[in-house]
Amino acid sequence: MSKREKTILIILTVLNAVVLLGQIYPEGAPPFAAWVNIVFLVASLIYFISRFSSKDKS
């Protein structure tokens, strides 16, 4: 796994944690929580599509 892929996975993990905390404690969610949810879903979709459609199956 390359350094770039590790960085992307760390970012997705942090966004996932923010989304999860917003679901567990919605009263404490910041005003931009909806955007974090959208960014996480779109970024995850793009990441998984790129991983599954890559020519190099390593």
N, C-alpha and C. Protein backbone atom coordinates (compact mmCIF):
# COMPACT_ATOMS: atom_id res chain seq x y z
N MET A 1 0.84 -1.17 0.00
CA MET A 1 0.00 0.00 0.00
C MET A 1 0.89 1.24 0.00
N SER A 2 0.61 2.14 -0.90
CA SER A 2 1.44 3.33 -1.03
C SER A 2 1.10 4.35 0.06
N LYS A 3 1.98 5.32 0.19
CA LYS A 3 1.78 6.38 1.18
C LYS A 3 0.51 7.18 0.87
N ARG A 4 0.25 7.38 -0.42
CA ARG A 4 -0.95 8.11 -0.84
C ARG A 4 -2.22 7.38 -0.41
N GLU A 5 -2.24 6.06 -0.61
CA GLU A 5 -3.41 5.28 -0.22
C GLU A 5 -3.60 5.29 1.30
N LYS A 6 -2.50 5.22 2.04
CA LYS A 6 -2.60 5.29 3.50
C LYS A 6 -3.17 6.63 3.95
N THR A 7 -2.73 7.71 3.30
CA THR A 7 -3.23 9.03 3.64
C THR A 7 -4.72 9.14 3.35
N ILE A 8 -5.14 8.63 2.21
CA ILE A 8 -6.56 8.66 1.86
C ILE A 8 -7.38 7.87 2.87
N LEU A 9 -6.88 6.70 3.25
CA LEU A 9 -7.61 5.89 4.23
C LEU A 9 -7.68 6.56 5.60
N ILE A 10 -6.63 7.27 5.98
CA ILE A 10 -6.65 8.00 7.25
C ILE A 10 -7.69 9.11 7.20
N ILE A 11 -7.74 9.84 6.10
CA ILE A 11 -8.73 10.91 5.95
C ILE A 11 -10.14 10.33 5.99
N LEU A 12 -10.37 9.23 5.28
CA LEU A 12 -11.69 8.61 5.29
C LEU A 12 -12.06 8.10 6.69
N THR A 13 -11.08 7.60 7.42
CA THR A 13 -11.34 7.13 8.78
C THR A 13 -11.72 8.27 9.70
N VAL A 14 -11.03 9.39 9.59
CA VAL A 14 -11.35 10.56 10.41
C VAL A 14 -12.75 11.08 10.07
N LEU A 15 -13.05 11.18 8.78
CA LEU A 15 -14.40 11.61 8.39
C LEU A 15 -15.45 10.63 8.89
N ASN A 16 -15.15 9.35 8.84
CA ASN A 16 -16.08 8.34 9.34
C ASN A 16 -16.32 8.53 10.83
N ALA A 17 -15.27 8.83 11.58
CA ALA A 17 -15.41 9.05 13.02
C ALA A 17 -16.29 10.26 13.30
N VAL A 18 -16.13 11.32 12.53
CA VAL A 18 -16.96 12.52 12.70
C VAL A 18 -18.42 12.20 12.40
N VAL A 19 -18.66 11.44 11.33
CA VAL A 19 -20.02 11.04 10.98
C VAL A 19 -20.62 10.19 12.10
N LEU A 20 -19.85 9.24 12.61
CA LEU A 20 -20.34 8.37 13.67
C LEU A 20 -20.65 9.17 14.94
N LEU A 21 -19.78 10.09 15.31
CA LEU A 21 -20.05 10.91 16.49
C LEU A 21 -21.30 11.76 16.30
N GLY A 22 -21.53 12.23 15.09
CA GLY A 22 -22.75 12.99 14.81
C GLY A 22 -24.00 12.14 14.92
N GLN A 23 -23.89 10.86 14.61
CA GLN A 23 -25.03 9.96 14.75
C GLN A 23 -25.27 9.59 16.21
N ILE A 24 -24.20 9.42 16.97
CA ILE A 24 -24.33 9.05 18.38
C ILE A 24 -24.79 10.23 19.22
N TYR A 25 -24.26 11.40 18.95
CA TYR A 25 -24.56 12.59 19.75
C TYR A 25 -24.97 13.73 18.82
N PRO A 26 -26.20 13.69 18.27
CA PRO A 26 -26.61 14.69 17.28
C PRO A 26 -26.72 16.11 17.83
N GLU A 27 -26.97 16.25 19.14
CA GLU A 27 -27.07 17.60 19.72
C GLU A 27 -25.74 18.34 19.67
N GLY A 28 -24.66 17.60 19.69
CA GLY A 28 -23.33 18.21 19.68
C GLY A 28 -22.73 18.34 18.29
N ALA A 29 -23.51 17.98 17.28
CA ALA A 29 -22.99 18.04 15.91
C ALA A 29 -22.81 19.50 15.47
N PRO A 30 -21.71 19.80 14.79
CA PRO A 30 -21.50 21.16 14.31
C PRO A 30 -22.43 21.48 13.15
N PRO A 31 -22.58 22.76 12.81
CA PRO A 31 -23.49 23.14 11.72
C PRO A 31 -23.09 22.58 10.36
N PHE A 32 -21.83 22.23 10.19
CA PHE A 32 -21.37 21.70 8.90
C PHE A 32 -21.42 20.18 8.85
N ALA A 33 -22.11 19.54 9.79
CA ALA A 33 -22.15 18.07 9.86
C ALA A 33 -22.75 17.44 8.62
N ALA A 34 -23.76 18.07 8.05
CA ALA A 34 -24.37 17.52 6.83
C ALA A 34 -23.36 17.48 5.70
N TRP A 35 -22.53 18.50 5.59
CA TRP A 35 -21.51 18.53 4.54
C TRP A 35 -20.45 17.46 4.78
N VAL A 36 -20.10 17.22 6.04
CA VAL A 36 -19.14 16.16 6.34
C VAL A 36 -19.70 14.81 5.91
N ASN A 37 -20.98 14.58 6.17
CA ASN A 37 -21.61 13.33 5.73
C ASN A 37 -21.54 13.18 4.22
N ILE A 38 -21.87 14.22 3.50
CA ILE A 38 -21.87 14.17 2.04
C ILE A 38 -20.45 13.95 1.50
N VAL A 39 -19.49 14.68 2.04
CA VAL A 39 -18.10 14.54 1.59
C VAL A 39 -17.60 13.12 1.87
N PHE A 40 -17.93 12.58 3.04
CA PHE A 40 -17.51 11.22 3.37
C PHE A 40 -18.10 10.21 2.39
N LEU A 41 -19.38 10.31 2.12
CA LEU A 41 -20.03 9.35 1.22
C LEU A 41 -19.46 9.43 -0.19
N VAL A 42 -19.28 10.64 -0.70
CA VAL A 42 -18.75 10.81 -2.06
C VAL A 42 -17.29 10.35 -2.13
N ALA A 43 -16.50 10.72 -1.14
CA ALA A 43 -15.09 10.32 -1.13
C ALA A 43 -14.95 8.80 -1.02
N SER A 44 -15.77 8.18 -0.20
CA SER A 44 -15.73 6.72 -0.08
C SER A 44 -16.12 6.06 -1.39
N LEU A 45 -17.16 6.57 -2.02
CA LEU A 45 -17.60 6.01 -3.30
C LEU A 45 -16.49 6.11 -4.35
N ILE A 46 -15.88 7.28 -4.45
CA ILE A 46 -14.80 7.47 -5.42
C ILE A 46 -13.62 6.55 -5.11
N TYR A 47 -13.27 6.43 -3.85
CA TYR A 47 -12.15 5.57 -3.46
C TYR A 47 -12.43 4.12 -3.83
N PHE A 48 -13.60 3.62 -3.47
CA PHE A 48 -13.89 2.21 -3.74
C PHE A 48 -14.04 1.93 -5.23
N ILE A 49 -14.62 2.84 -5.97
CA ILE A 49 -14.71 2.65 -7.42
C ILE A 49 -13.32 2.61 -8.03
N SER A 50 -12.45 3.51 -7.60
CA SER A 50 -11.09 3.53 -8.15
C SER A 50 -10.32 2.27 -7.76
N ARG A 51 -10.52 1.76 -6.55
CA ARG A 51 -9.83 0.54 -6.12
C ARG A 51 -10.32 -0.68 -6.88
N PHE A 52 -11.62 -0.77 -7.12
CA PHE A 52 -12.18 -1.94 -7.79
C PHE A 52 -11.98 -1.91 -9.29
N SER A 53 -11.81 -0.72 -9.85
CA SER A 53 -11.66 -0.63 -11.30
C SER A 53 -10.21 -0.45 -11.74
N SER A 54 -9.27 -0.47 -10.80
CA SER A 54 -7.87 -0.27 -11.18
C SER A 54 -7.35 -1.48 -11.95
N LYS A 55 -6.48 -1.20 -12.89
CA LYS A 55 -5.90 -2.25 -13.72
C LYS A 55 -4.94 -3.12 -12.91
N ASP A 56 -4.23 -2.49 -11.99
CA ASP A 56 -3.28 -3.20 -11.15
C ASP A 56 -4.03 -3.81 -9.97
N LYS A 57 -4.12 -5.09 -9.92
CA LYS A 57 -4.89 -5.77 -8.87
C LYS A 57 -4.01 -6.18 -7.69
N SER A 58 -3.20 -5.27 -7.21
CA SER A 58 -2.33 -5.59 -6.08
C SER A 58 -2.99 -5.29 -4.76
